[in-house]
């Protein structure tokens, strides 16, 4: 869990301080960071939420910190439109793309 160490240091926390936040010992955090120990799933989820990163990032499975399903900088209405777009038939998507291209030029 190398990313855990990176995240902890970015916040300027010691292993002991991070341990206190999660009700763990500093030695537990050391073990997680060195790969000698592994947290339970509940702790992993709490840590991912605390740092606002994906579980995959915390577990060093990806370099993307963004939690899955997170789309940054869009409104709820825009999110709904994107969800509808995903289930739209391909010919509708082509027509919509044409409309959007045309609207940029008017």
C-alpha atoms as a PDB file:
ATOM      1  CA  UNK A   1       0.000   0.000   0.000  1.00  0.00           C
ATOM      2  CA  UNK A   2       2.585   2.490  -1.170  1.00  0.00           C
ATOM      3  CA  UNK A   3      -0.138   4.988  -2.043  1.00  0.00           C
ATOM      4  CA  UNK A   4      -1.211   5.048   1.608  1.00  0.00           C
ATOM      5  CA  UNK A   5       2.218   6.401   2.515  1.00  0.00           C
ATOM      6  CA  UNK A   6       2.013   9.022  -0.251  1.00  0.00           C
ATOM      7  CA  UNK A   7      -1.441  10.157   0.890  1.00  0.00           C
ATOM      8  CA  UNK A   8      -0.396  10.260   4.544  1.00  0.00           C
ATOM      9  CA  UNK A   9       2.669  12.356   3.772  1.00  0.00           C
ATOM     10  CA  UNK A  10       0.652  14.742   1.589  1.00  0.00           C
ATOM     11  CA  UNK A  11      -1.471  15.498   4.647  1.00  0.00           C
ATOM     12  CA  UNK A  12       1.623  15.861   6.822  1.00  0.00           C
ATOM     13  CA  UNK A  13       0.511  13.092   9.175  1.00  0.00           C
ATOM     14  CA  UNK A  14       2.712  10.675  11.057  1.00  0.00           C
ATOM     15  CA  UNK A  15       1.893   6.986  11.085  1.00  0.00           C
ATOM     16  CA  UNK A  16       0.756   7.366  14.675  1.00  0.00           C
ATOM     17  CA  UNK A  17      -1.557  10.278  13.821  1.00  0.00           C
ATOM     18  CA  UNK A  18      -3.101   8.372  10.923  1.00  0.00           C
ATOM     19  CA  UNK A  19      -3.501   5.344  13.154  1.00  0.00           C
ATOM     20  CA  UNK A  20      -5.420   7.446  15.699  1.00  0.00           C
ATOM     21  CA  UNK A  21      -7.815   8.659  12.996  1.00  0.00           C
ATOM     22  CA  UNK A  22      -8.741   5.054  12.175  1.00  0.00           C
ATOM     23  CA  UNK A  23      -8.491   3.620  15.688  1.00  0.00           C
ATOM     24  CA  UNK A  24      -5.297   1.761  14.853  1.00  0.00           C
ATOM     25  CA  UNK A  25      -1.747   1.761  16.126  1.00  0.00           C
ATOM     26  CA  UNK A  26       1.088   3.471  14.341  1.00  0.00           C
ATOM     27  CA  UNK A  27       2.611   0.011  13.969  1.00  0.00           C
ATOM     28  CA  UNK A  28      -0.453  -1.102  11.995  1.00  0.00           C
ATOM     29  CA  UNK A  29      -0.027   1.804   9.586  1.00  0.00           C
ATOM     30  CA  UNK A  30       3.682   0.960   9.266  1.00  0.00           C
ATOM     31  CA  UNK A  31       2.734  -2.632   8.464  1.00  0.00           C
ATOM     32  CA  UNK A  32       0.240  -1.527   5.804  1.00  0.00           C
ATOM     33  CA  UNK A  33       2.732   0.822   4.188  1.00  0.00           C
ATOM     34  CA  UNK A  34       5.486  -1.806   4.080  1.00  0.00           C
ATOM     35  CA  UNK A  35       3.190  -4.606   2.938  1.00  0.00           C
ATOM     36  CA  UNK A  36       3.794  -6.710   6.041  1.00  0.00           C
ATOM     37  CA  UNK A  37       0.191  -6.308   7.184  1.00  0.00           C
ATOM     38  CA  UNK A  38      -3.067  -5.844   5.353  1.00  0.00           C
ATOM     39  CA  UNK A  39      -6.115  -3.940   6.651  1.00  0.00           C
ATOM     40  CA  UNK A  40      -9.573  -5.452   6.694  1.00  0.00           C
ATOM     41  CA  UNK A  41     -12.077  -4.367   4.056  1.00  0.00           C
ATOM     42  CA  UNK A  42     -13.894  -1.992   6.407  1.00  0.00           C
ATOM     43  CA  UNK A  43     -10.650  -0.140   7.137  1.00  0.00           C
ATOM     44  CA  UNK A  44      -9.745   0.010   3.443  1.00  0.00           C
ATOM     45  CA  UNK A  45     -13.118   1.568   2.631  1.00  0.00           C
ATOM     46  CA  UNK A  46     -12.829   4.074   5.491  1.00  0.00           C
ATOM     47  CA  UNK A  47      -9.350   5.069   4.329  1.00  0.00           C
ATOM     48  CA  UNK A  48     -10.469   5.478   0.716  1.00  0.00           C
ATOM     49  CA  UNK A  49     -13.340   7.690   1.876  1.00  0.00           C
ATOM     50  CA  UNK A  50     -11.088   9.687   4.198  1.00  0.00           C
ATOM     51  CA  UNK A  51      -8.572  10.390   1.427  1.00  0.00           C
ATOM     52  CA  UNK A  52     -11.321  10.669  -1.227  1.00  0.00           C
ATOM     53  CA  UNK A  53      -9.623   8.155  -3.509  1.00  0.00           C
ATOM     54  CA  UNK A  54     -10.657   4.878  -5.091  1.00  0.00           C
ATOM     55  CA  UNK A  55     -10.035   1.635  -3.229  1.00  0.00           C
ATOM     56  CA  UNK A  56      -8.033   0.537  -6.273  1.00  0.00           C
ATOM     57  CA  UNK A  57      -5.720   3.525  -5.860  1.00  0.00           C
ATOM     58  CA  UNK A  58      -5.295   2.857  -2.160  1.00  0.00           C
ATOM     59  CA  UNK A  59      -4.394  -0.765  -2.939  1.00  0.00           C
ATOM     60  CA  UNK A  60      -1.864   0.317  -5.617  1.00  0.00           C
ATOM     61  CA  UNK A  61      -3.914  -1.250  -8.421  1.00  0.00           C
ATOM     62  CA  UNK A  62      -4.194   2.003 -10.384  1.00  0.00           C
ATOM     63  CA  UNK A  63      -2.611   5.424 -10.552  1.00  0.00           C
ATOM     64  CA  UNK A  64      -6.025   7.100 -10.821  1.00  0.00           C
ATOM     65  CA  UNK A  65      -7.099   8.605  -7.512  1.00  0.00           C
ATOM     66  CA  UNK A  66     -10.636   9.385  -8.671  1.00  0.00           C
ATOM     67  CA  UNK A  67     -13.222   7.116  -7.066  1.00  0.00           C
ATOM     68  CA  UNK A  68     -15.180   5.049  -9.630  1.00  0.00           C
ATOM     69  CA  UNK A  69     -18.347   6.704 -10.859  1.00  0.00           C
ATOM     70  CA  UNK A  70     -17.062  10.154 -10.031  1.00  0.00           C
ATOM     71  CA  UNK A  71     -17.438  12.674 -12.800  1.00  0.00           C
ATOM     72  CA  UNK A  72     -15.862  15.951 -11.870  1.00  0.00           C
ATOM     73  CA  UNK A  73     -17.242  19.354 -12.763  1.00  0.00           C
ATOM     74  CA  UNK A  74     -20.706  18.412 -13.981  1.00  0.00           C
ATOM     75  CA  UNK A  75     -24.147  19.068 -12.584  1.00  0.00           C
ATOM     76  CA  UNK A  76     -26.659  16.442 -11.546  1.00  0.00           C
ATOM     77  CA  UNK A  77     -28.684  17.215 -14.686  1.00  0.00           C
ATOM     78  CA  UNK A  78     -25.611  16.656 -16.874  1.00  0.00           C
ATOM     79  CA  UNK A  79     -24.879  13.397 -15.032  1.00  0.00           C
ATOM     80  CA  UNK A  80     -28.430  12.235 -15.778  1.00  0.00           C
ATOM     81  CA  UNK A  81     -27.980  13.094 -19.470  1.00  0.00           C
ATOM     82  CA  UNK A  82     -24.755  11.055 -19.577  1.00  0.00           C
ATOM     83  CA  UNK A  83     -26.472   8.093 -17.942  1.00  0.00           C
ATOM     84  CA  UNK A  84     -29.251   8.256 -20.537  1.00  0.00           C
ATOM     85  CA  UNK A  85     -26.693   8.551 -23.319  1.00  0.00           C
ATOM     86  CA  UNK A  86     -25.000   5.336 -22.232  1.00  0.00           C
ATOM     87  CA  UNK A  87     -28.174   3.311 -22.837  1.00  0.00           C
ATOM     88  CA  UNK A  88     -29.137   5.077 -26.070  1.00  0.00           C
ATOM     89  CA  UNK A  89     -29.114   3.087 -29.351  1.00  0.00           C
ATOM     90  CA  UNK A  90     -26.107   3.798 -31.583  1.00  0.00           C
ATOM     91  CA  UNK A  91     -28.124   5.495 -34.329  1.00  0.00           C
ATOM     92  CA  UNK A  92     -29.516   7.935 -31.751  1.00  0.00           C
ATOM     93  CA  UNK A  93     -25.973   8.674 -30.573  1.00  0.00           C
ATOM     94  CA  UNK A  94     -24.906   9.461 -34.141  1.00  0.00           C
ATOM     95  CA  UNK A  95     -27.889  11.792 -34.586  1.00  0.00           C
ATOM     96  CA  UNK A  96     -27.187  13.507 -31.271  1.00  0.00           C
ATOM     97  CA  UNK A  97     -23.529  13.972 -32.206  1.00  0.00           C
ATOM     98  CA  UNK A  98     -24.604  15.641 -35.458  1.00  0.00           C
ATOM     99  CA  UNK A  99     -26.947  17.954 -33.579  1.00  0.00           C
ATOM    100  CA  UNK A 100     -24.234  18.899 -31.089  1.00  0.00           C
ATOM    101  CA  UNK A 101     -21.702  19.579 -33.846  1.00  0.00           C
ATOM    102  CA  UNK A 102     -24.227  21.753 -35.666  1.00  0.00           C
ATOM    103  CA  UNK A 103     -25.091  23.683 -32.485  1.00  0.00           C
ATOM    104  CA  UNK A 104     -21.417  24.623 -31.964  1.00  0.00           C
ATOM    105  CA  UNK A 105     -21.431  26.474 -35.300  1.00  0.00           C
ATOM    106  CA  UNK A 106     -24.608  28.463 -34.784  1.00  0.00           C
END
